[in-house]
Amino acid sequence: MRTPSALKERIIAESRKIGIDKIGFTTADDFESLRSSLEAQKAAGHTSGFEHPNLDERLNPKLILKDAKTIIAIALAYPSKLKRQPPRTGLKRGQFARASWGDDYHDILREKMALLTERIQELTDESVSFEPMVDTGQLIDVAVANRAGLGFIGKNGLLITEEFGSFVYLGEIVTNLVLAPDQPIPCQCGDCTRCLDACPVQALLGDGRMNAQRCLSYQTQTKG
């Protein structure tokens, strides 16, 4: 039987084999410290409508998995540069966000997490439960990823990693395995306001929150 520390190292090694770019671990403790901020966002009308409707489930992993002990957070880097630059024609061109290039990232993340849970089950004799999810799930991806040490949350509310900046897809797996948590990373934005200055509709509030009703991304995804 592997010790928790040895198992954690094997999980990290297996994650690299299946193409997961970053992995971190945190406890299944609640995120109650975020409640007042989330309630204020909703009261101000700043939410997008894409959030999971049950606030208690967003903040309490043990409402998702009763015997939850650990949350495994993963990040997949997405393309940040074109492989081939398009020819210059003199005409104006539209642009697609890098996050939308290629296959649906929800499918890619789910596939990677399914492979990872299979590998983890093979590594232990314990009866292990898993609840994987992406941004359509209950938990708040950036909060989990930050607490698991994948990166810090910038003034724009995005997770910023050392290796890939904010160009990452996030997913997490709630499990009843006991694994040592990693350390969260504090905000490293300092006095920088480049993201706030660059936002064309001033949707960013500067404290990691945003007014989604102003955001062009949410407007282009809203029906009607």
Foldseek 3Di string as FASTA:
>chain_A
DDDQAVLVVVLVVVLVVLQFPDKFKDFQAWQVVCVVVVVVCVVVQQDLVLADPDLVLQTGVCVVPVLFTMKMKTKHFFDPDDPDDDDDDVDDDDDDPSCPPDDPVQVVVVVSVVVSVVVSPVVDPDDKDKDKDFRSDRYDFLVRCQQRAQAEQFLQLAGQGPPRGRRIGMMMMTMNDHHDGDHGDYYPCPPDDVVQVPQPQNQGPRNSGGRNVRHPVSVVVDDD
